[in-house]
Structures are given as C-alpha cells and as structure tokens.
Amino acid sequence: MRRDIQPNERAFTSKEVAEEVGIATPTVRKYGQILERNGYEFLKDGDRRIFVQSDIGALIALRDTDKPLDDTAKDLAYQQKERLEGSNETEISTTDTYEHLPKDPNQLKEILMFLVNELAAAREMNGQLTNDMSQLKITVSRLQQDHHVISSTIGNSAQKTQAKIEKLTEQQKNHYETLLQQEIQKSEFLQKEIQNLRDEQKREWSSQNDFNKRLEQAIQKPKEKWGDFSPYSENKMPI
C-alpha cells in the first residue's frame, strides 16, 4: 500500500494528467499499464487509476525517455519502492517521537502552534500553487487559441496564394492560346498569300507562253506567204 501520499495532496484524473503532461488520454492509460506491469503502484478507485504529483513525474519520465519504456518503468518502480520504504521508516520514527513528547503543557502548546503555523503556510502554498496552475492552464488555453488562429491565418493565406497561382496560370494559358490562335491565323493568311502569288505566277507564265506562241506564229506567217518567190523555190520564173 502506498504511504507517500500527503493528506491534502491533489488527485488528478486521466484527462487532467493528459493535459498536464501533454499527451493523449489513451497514452496515459498505456503508460499506466506499462508502469503497473513493472511493479509500480497507483491509487485505485475500483479499476480507475487516481494520479498524484509523483505519478505525473513518472509519466513525464516515460514520455521523455530514450530507453525502452519497460526499462524506464522498472527504474521508476524501484524508485517508488525505495520512497515507500523510506516513508514507512519515517512513520515509525514519528510514532516513536509521539511517545517522547514533552509533558509540559506550555511546551506542547508551542509545538502545536508551530504545527498550526506550518499547516497554514502549507495551505497558503497549496493555494498559491492552485492559482498558479489555473493561470498556467489559462495561458496554455490562450496559446492553443493563438496557435489555432495562426494556423487558420496560414491556411487562409495559403489558399489565397494558391488561388492567385491558379488564376495566373489560367491567364497565362488563355494568353498562350490567344497567341497560338493568332499565329495560326497568320500562318493561314501567309499560306493563302503564297498560294495567290503562285497562282498569279502561273497565270503570268501561261500568258507569256501564249504570247510567245502567237509571236512565233506571227513570225512564221510571212514565210508561208512569200514562200513561192524564195530563191530556193523549185518554180522559178524565166529570165
């Protein structure tokens, strides 16, 4: 049985421990099972574990260890065992001390006043720690909210940037398609102009050929007309 629990020590639920340590609630249960498997003792309410500050320290040690979890759990169980044995010895020595309390009422009164003052100081310290924990939880909550806002802002900025990129890409695509269409039209126009020039050239060549043929025919006609008077004609006139 554990004897290292203080009378007014605060108990934590698994959910509170998860928030305190910064791990998920299922991970708290997993660490608790590993610790118990290696000999660590928890306070229990039925099957439900009740955590105190020393248990939170053990969970943090498991969270931050570089060794296998079972090895670290064995070390923590051994440390707890030594702490419990020391607590038992302290309880025995305290019991022996009660037997040696002074019989003088004034001395007893002084001792009781000292204990009352110490208890009041401890309560005040516990109150201050509780307030500090509350402020810490508020700070963590605000940090989580700020993180959410920052994440949302970054997400919105990324979406806007992506939208701008997509818009620019679409504009570039449209511009390229427009230029491509213009080039196609220019190419078709040039091809038509070239074809027109070729047709015109063919007509010129045809016209020139017709002219050359007519010219050749015109040159040949006088020869045919005066062929009888040629010196080489067989029908010569007598001298």
Protein backbone atom coordinates (compact mmCIF):
# COMPACT_ATOMS: atom_id res chain seq x y z
CA MET A 1 0.00 0.00 0.00
CA ARG A 2 1.28 3.45 -0.84
CA ARG A 3 2.28 5.65 2.10
CA ASP A 4 3.84 8.53 0.15
CA ILE A 5 0.55 10.44 -0.32
CA GLN A 6 0.16 13.67 1.62
CA PRO A 7 -3.18 14.23 3.44
CA ASN A 8 -4.17 17.25 1.32
CA GLU A 9 -2.40 16.22 -1.86
CA ARG A 10 -4.40 16.86 -5.02
CA ALA A 11 -5.56 13.92 -7.13
CA PHE A 12 -5.79 14.06 -10.95
CA THR A 13 -7.97 12.22 -13.44
CA SER A 14 -6.57 10.66 -16.61
CA LYS A 15 -7.86 13.58 -18.67
CA GLU A 16 -6.24 16.14 -16.35
CA VAL A 17 -2.98 14.19 -16.42
CA ALA A 18 -3.08 14.11 -20.22
CA GLU A 19 -3.40 17.91 -20.30
CA GLU A 20 -0.71 18.30 -17.65
CA VAL A 21 1.83 16.02 -19.36
CA GLY A 22 0.90 16.99 -22.92
CA ILE A 23 -0.04 13.53 -24.17
CA ALA A 24 -3.27 11.87 -25.27
CA THR A 25 -5.58 10.21 -22.73
CA PRO A 26 -5.08 6.75 -24.32
CA THR A 27 -1.33 7.27 -23.92
CA VAL A 28 -1.85 7.95 -20.18
CA ARG A 29 -3.62 4.59 -19.88
CA LYS A 30 -0.88 2.88 -21.89
CA TYR A 31 1.89 4.33 -19.66
CA GLY A 32 -0.09 3.35 -16.56
CA GLN A 33 -0.32 -0.26 -17.76
CA ILE A 34 3.42 -0.34 -18.51
CA LEU A 35 4.25 1.02 -15.04
CA GLU A 36 1.97 -1.44 -13.26
CA ARG A 37 3.35 -4.31 -15.32
CA ASN A 38 6.80 -3.49 -13.97
CA GLY A 39 5.75 -3.18 -10.31
CA TYR A 40 4.63 0.44 -9.99
CA GLU A 41 1.66 1.09 -7.67
CA PHE A 42 -1.21 3.50 -8.30
CA LEU A 43 -4.06 4.55 -6.06
CA LYS A 44 -7.24 2.90 -7.37
CA ASP A 45 -10.93 3.72 -7.27
CA GLY A 46 -12.19 0.36 -8.42
CA ASP A 47 -10.47 -0.17 -11.78
CA ARG A 48 -9.86 3.55 -12.27
CA ARG A 49 -6.40 4.93 -11.54
CA ILE A 50 -6.03 8.05 -9.42
CA PHE A 51 -2.90 10.07 -10.11
CA VAL A 52 -0.91 12.30 -7.78
CA GLN A 53 2.04 14.58 -8.50
CA SER A 54 4.65 11.83 -8.17
CA ASP A 55 2.70 9.73 -10.69
CA ILE A 56 2.73 12.67 -13.13
CA GLY A 57 6.51 12.81 -12.74
CA ALA A 58 6.70 9.11 -13.62
CA LEU A 59 4.58 9.63 -16.74
CA ILE A 60 6.78 12.55 -17.81
CA ALA A 61 9.85 10.33 -17.34
CA LEU A 62 8.28 7.73 -19.63
CA ARG A 63 7.38 10.40 -22.16
CA ASP A 64 10.92 11.81 -22.31
CA THR A 65 12.98 8.61 -22.02
CA ASP A 66 15.33 7.44 -24.75
CA LYS A 67 15.40 3.91 -23.34
CA PRO A 68 12.81 1.16 -23.86
CA LEU A 69 9.66 2.00 -21.91
CA ASP A 70 9.77 -1.20 -19.83
CA ASP A 71 13.34 -0.46 -18.69
CA THR A 72 12.39 3.05 -17.61
CA ALA A 73 9.23 1.72 -15.91
CA LYS A 74 11.34 -0.76 -13.90
CA ASP A 75 13.60 2.07 -12.72
CA LEU A 76 10.57 4.16 -11.72
CA ALA A 77 9.00 1.21 -9.86
CA TYR A 78 12.29 0.66 -7.99
CA GLN A 79 12.49 4.35 -7.08
CA GLN A 80 8.90 4.25 -5.83
CA LYS A 81 9.65 1.17 -3.75
CA GLU A 82 12.60 2.91 -2.09
CA ARG A 83 10.46 6.01 -1.50
CA LEU A 84 7.71 3.93 0.11
CA GLU A 85 10.20 2.12 2.35
CA GLY A 86 11.61 5.48 3.42
CA SER A 87 8.07 6.68 4.11
CA ASN A 88 7.45 3.66 6.33
CA GLU A 89 10.61 4.35 8.32
CA THR A 90 9.59 7.97 8.76
CA GLU A 91 6.16 6.89 10.02
CA ILE A 92 7.76 4.55 12.56
CA SER A 93 10.16 7.19 13.83
CA THR A 94 7.30 9.69 14.05
CA THR A 95 5.32 7.24 16.18
CA ASP A 96 8.30 6.85 18.47
CA THR A 97 8.54 10.61 18.72
CA TYR A 98 4.96 10.88 20.00
CA GLU A 99 5.97 8.75 22.97
CA HIS A 100 8.70 11.21 23.82
CA LEU A 101 6.63 14.40 23.59
CA PRO A 102 7.18 16.78 26.49
CA LYS A 103 4.70 16.63 29.34
CA ASP A 104 4.81 20.38 29.94
CA PRO A 105 1.57 21.95 28.58
CA ASN A 106 3.41 25.13 27.58
CA GLN A 107 5.91 23.18 25.50
CA LEU A 108 3.07 21.20 23.93
CA LYS A 109 1.29 24.47 23.16
CA GLU A 110 4.40 25.84 21.47
CA ILE A 111 4.74 22.67 19.40
CA LEU A 112 1.07 22.80 18.42
CA MET A 113 1.34 26.49 17.48
CA PHE A 114 4.38 25.68 15.37
CA LEU A 115 2.49 22.88 13.64
CA VAL A 116 -0.54 25.14 13.11
CA ASN A 117 1.66 27.83 11.56
CA GLU A 118 3.38 25.27 9.35
CA LEU A 119 0.00 23.86 8.28
CA ALA A 120 -1.28 27.36 7.49
CA ALA A 121 1.85 28.09 5.45
CA ALA A 122 1.45 24.80 3.63
CA ARG A 123 -2.20 25.59 2.87
CA GLU A 124 -1.25 29.03 1.63
CA MET A 125 1.41 27.50 -0.56
CA ASN A 126 -1.08 24.96 -1.89
CA GLY A 127 -3.50 27.78 -2.64
CA GLN A 128 -0.79 29.68 -4.46
CA LEU A 129 0.15 26.57 -6.42
CA THR A 130 -3.50 26.04 -7.32
CA ASN A 131 -3.74 29.63 -8.56
CA ASP A 132 -0.51 29.21 -10.50
CA MET A 133 -1.86 26.04 -12.09
CA SER A 134 -5.07 27.85 -13.02
CA GLN A 135 -3.09 30.69 -14.59
CA LEU A 136 -0.91 28.17 -16.37
CA LYS A 137 -3.99 26.41 -17.78
CA ILE A 138 -5.38 29.77 -18.93
CA THR A 139 -2.05 30.59 -20.58
CA VAL A 140 -1.94 27.20 -22.29
CA SER A 141 -5.53 27.65 -23.47
CA ARG A 142 -4.67 31.09 -24.88
CA LEU A 143 -1.59 29.69 -26.58
CA GLN A 144 -3.71 26.94 -28.10
CA GLN A 145 -6.19 29.55 -29.34
CA ASP A 146 -3.34 31.66 -30.74
CA HIS A 147 -1.95 28.57 -32.41
CA HIS A 148 -5.36 27.88 -33.92
CA VAL A 149 -5.64 31.48 -35.15
CA ILE A 150 -2.13 31.39 -36.61
CA SER A 151 -2.81 28.04 -38.26
CA SER A 152 -6.07 29.36 -39.68
CA THR A 153 -4.35 32.52 -40.93
CA ILE A 154 -1.58 30.50 -42.56
CA GLY A 155 -4.18 28.17 -44.08
CA ASN A 156 -6.20 31.11 -45.44
CA SER A 157 -3.05 32.76 -46.78
CA ALA A 158 -2.02 29.51 -48.45
CA GLN A 159 -5.47 29.18 -50.02
CA LYS A 160 -5.33 32.76 -51.30
CA THR A 161 -1.85 32.22 -52.68
CA GLN A 162 -2.97 29.00 -54.37
CA ALA A 163 -5.98 30.81 -55.83
CA LYS A 164 -3.71 33.57 -57.20
CA ILE A 165 -1.36 30.98 -58.69
CA GLU A 166 -4.27 29.18 -60.32
CA LYS A 167 -5.63 32.49 -61.66
CA LEU A 168 -2.24 33.49 -63.08
CA THR A 169 -1.84 30.03 -64.59
CA GLU A 170 -5.26 30.32 -66.23
CA GLN A 171 -4.41 33.78 -67.54
CA GLN A 172 -1.12 32.55 -68.95
CA LYS A 173 -2.90 29.59 -70.55
CA ASN A 174 -5.51 31.87 -72.13
CA HIS A 175 -2.80 34.27 -73.32
CA TYR A 176 -0.83 31.41 -74.83
CA GLU A 177 -3.91 30.04 -76.55
CA THR A 178 -4.68 33.53 -77.93
CA LEU A 179 -1.15 33.92 -79.26
CA LEU A 180 -1.27 30.43 -80.71
CA GLN A 181 -4.55 31.20 -82.45
CA GLN A 182 -3.12 34.44 -83.81
CA GLU A 183 -0.07 32.62 -85.12
CA ILE A 184 -2.30 30.01 -86.75
CA GLN A 185 -4.31 32.76 -88.42
CA LYS A 186 -1.14 34.49 -89.60
CA SER A 187 0.19 31.20 -90.92
CA GLU A 188 -3.05 30.55 -92.81
CA PHE A 189 -3.02 34.08 -94.22
CA LEU A 190 0.59 33.68 -95.36
CA GLN A 191 -0.21 30.34 -96.95
CA LYS A 192 -3.10 31.94 -98.84
CA GLU A 193 -0.88 34.82 -99.96
CA ILE A 194 1.79 32.39 -101.13
CA GLN A 195 -0.83 30.36 -102.99
CA ASN A 196 -2.19 33.55 -104.59
CA LEU A 197 1.33 34.51 -105.69
CA ARG A 198 1.84 31.05 -107.13
CA ASP A 199 -1.47 31.26 -109.00
CA GLU A 200 -0.57 34.72 -110.26
CA GLN A 201 2.82 33.45 -111.35
CA LYS A 202 1.19 30.54 -113.15
CA ARG A 203 -1.15 32.93 -114.95
CA GLU A 204 1.80 35.13 -115.92
CA TRP A 205 3.68 32.13 -117.21
CA SER A 206 0.62 30.95 -119.14
CA SER A 207 0.08 34.42 -120.59
CA GLN A 208 3.75 34.65 -121.53
CA ASN A 209 3.60 31.24 -123.18
CA ASP A 210 0.51 32.29 -125.16
CA PHE A 211 2.22 35.49 -126.22
CA ASN A 212 5.34 33.59 -127.26
CA LYS A 213 3.24 31.16 -129.30
CA ARG A 214 1.36 33.99 -131.04
CA LEU A 215 4.62 35.77 -131.72
CA GLU A 216 6.12 32.63 -133.16
CA GLN A 217 3.04 32.14 -135.33
CA ALA A 218 3.18 35.75 -136.49
CA ILE A 219 6.82 35.32 -137.47
CA GLN A 220 6.07 32.12 -139.38
CA LYS A 221 3.19 33.57 -141.45
CA PRO A 222 5.26 35.82 -143.79
CA LYS A 223 7.46 32.88 -144.67
CA GLU A 224 4.45 30.86 -145.68
CA LYS A 225 3.01 33.84 -147.67
CA TRP A 226 6.18 34.57 -149.71
CA GLY A 227 7.43 31.10 -149.96
CA ASP A 228 6.83 30.98 -153.90
CA PHE A 229 9.31 33.76 -154.52
CA SER A 230 12.03 32.23 -152.48
CA PRO A 231 15.31 31.78 -154.44
CA TYR A 232 15.22 28.18 -153.34
CA SER A 233 11.76 27.56 -154.79
CA GLU A 234 11.55 24.88 -157.50
CA ASN A 235 9.10 27.04 -159.61
CA LYS A 236 11.43 29.77 -160.73
CA MET A 237 10.30 32.44 -163.20
CA PRO A 238 12.23 32.51 -166.53
CA ILE A 239 14.79 35.24 -167.04
